[in-house]
Amino acid sequence: MSNLILKEKIAKLSDIKSNPAKILRGFVRVVAEKRGFPTKGFFFDKNAFEDLLENLEYLTPEFWNEIKISRKSGKVSSKTIEKRFGLI
């Protein structure tokens, strides 16, 4: 998740209104143009959102239990792993 935060861009609402397709790419913090530029929200494009979900998955005990089980069992095919995680 730290990589995602390091790639954060900041965009003012007025800039987004004028050209959203150019500005809203990656992970963008949307700020108002009032005192201190308060944060109004965040925008994640598809790739940034997938990175966020992947990073959050790494934080779950279930993920690490799956890794531990896999390591103890020896070799496991990629098809088996994909089925366990519901990717197939």
Protein backbone atom coordinates (compact mmCIF):
# COMPACT_ATOMS: atom_id res chain seq x y z
CA MET A 1 0.00 0.00 0.00
CA SER A 2 2.92 2.34 0.63
CA ASN A 3 3.83 2.17 -3.07
CA LEU A 4 0.34 3.33 -3.93
CA ILE A 5 0.57 6.26 -1.52
CA LEU A 6 3.98 7.21 -2.88
CA LYS A 7 2.41 7.46 -6.35
CA GLU A 8 -0.37 9.75 -5.10
CA LYS A 9 -1.14 12.80 -7.21
CA ILE A 10 -3.06 15.81 -5.97
CA ALA A 11 -5.64 17.55 -8.15
CA LYS A 12 -7.84 20.58 -7.53
CA LEU A 13 -11.54 20.29 -8.26
CA SER A 14 -11.36 23.08 -10.85
CA ASP A 15 -8.59 21.26 -12.74
CA ILE A 16 -10.62 18.05 -12.80
CA LYS A 17 -13.67 19.88 -14.13
CA SER A 18 -11.68 21.29 -17.02
CA ASN A 19 -10.00 18.03 -18.11
CA PRO A 20 -10.96 14.93 -16.08
CA ALA A 21 -9.59 12.34 -18.52
CA LYS A 22 -6.09 13.81 -18.32
CA ILE A 23 -5.98 14.26 -14.54
CA LEU A 24 -7.83 11.24 -13.18
CA ARG A 25 -5.21 8.56 -13.73
CA GLY A 26 -3.76 6.33 -11.01
CA PHE A 27 -4.32 7.33 -7.40
CA VAL A 28 -5.49 10.96 -7.10
CA ARG A 29 -6.33 12.97 -3.99
CA VAL A 30 -9.05 15.47 -4.89
CA VAL A 31 -8.82 18.76 -2.98
CA ALA A 32 -10.90 21.92 -2.78
CA GLU A 33 -9.35 25.29 -3.50
CA LYS A 34 -10.38 26.78 -0.17
CA ARG A 35 -8.20 27.42 2.88
CA GLY A 36 -5.57 24.74 3.27
CA PHE A 37 -6.79 22.66 0.31
CA PRO A 38 -9.02 20.24 2.30
CA THR A 39 -9.35 16.74 0.88
CA LYS A 40 -12.73 16.11 -0.74
CA GLY A 41 -12.10 12.54 -1.86
CA PHE A 42 -9.88 10.06 -3.62
CA PHE A 43 -9.96 8.64 -7.13
CA PHE A 44 -8.54 5.25 -8.09
CA ASP A 45 -8.35 4.15 -11.70
CA LYS A 46 -8.73 0.43 -12.39
CA ASN A 47 -5.04 -0.43 -11.93
CA ALA A 48 -4.65 1.60 -8.75
CA PHE A 49 -7.80 0.04 -7.29
CA GLU A 50 -6.57 -3.48 -8.09
CA ASP A 51 -3.23 -2.65 -6.42
CA LEU A 52 -5.10 -1.43 -3.33
CA LEU A 53 -7.20 -4.61 -3.13
CA GLU A 54 -4.12 -6.79 -3.57
CA ASN A 55 -2.29 -4.95 -0.81
CA LEU A 56 -5.26 -5.25 1.52
CA GLU A 57 -5.42 -8.99 0.83
CA TYR A 58 -1.81 -9.32 2.01
CA LEU A 59 -2.91 -8.00 5.41
CA THR A 60 -5.43 -10.78 6.07
CA PRO A 61 -4.60 -13.80 8.22
CA GLU A 62 -6.40 -16.04 5.72
CA PHE A 63 -3.91 -15.11 3.01
CA TRP A 64 -0.91 -15.93 5.19
CA ASN A 65 -2.53 -19.19 6.35
CA GLU A 66 -2.88 -20.20 2.70
CA ILE A 67 0.79 -19.38 2.15
CA LYS A 68 1.81 -21.36 5.25
CA ILE A 69 -0.26 -24.40 4.18
CA SER A 70 1.17 -24.23 0.67
CA ARG A 71 4.75 -24.06 1.93
CA LYS A 72 4.28 -27.03 4.27
CA SER A 73 2.65 -29.18 1.61
CA GLY A 74 5.48 -28.87 -0.87
CA LYS A 75 4.85 -28.14 -4.51
CA VAL A 76 1.43 -26.84 -5.46
CA SER A 77 0.35 -26.12 -9.01
CA SER A 78 -0.68 -22.63 -10.02
CA LYS A 79 -4.08 -24.02 -11.07
CA THR A 80 -4.67 -25.24 -7.49
CA ILE A 81 -3.77 -21.83 -6.07
CA GLU A 82 -6.03 -20.05 -8.56
CA LYS A 83 -8.93 -22.34 -7.59
CA ARG A 84 -8.34 -21.72 -3.85
CA PHE A 85 -8.53 -17.99 -4.36
CA GLY A 86 -11.51 -18.22 -6.70
CA LEU A 87 -9.66 -16.93 -9.73
CA ILE A 88 -10.86 -19.77 -11.98
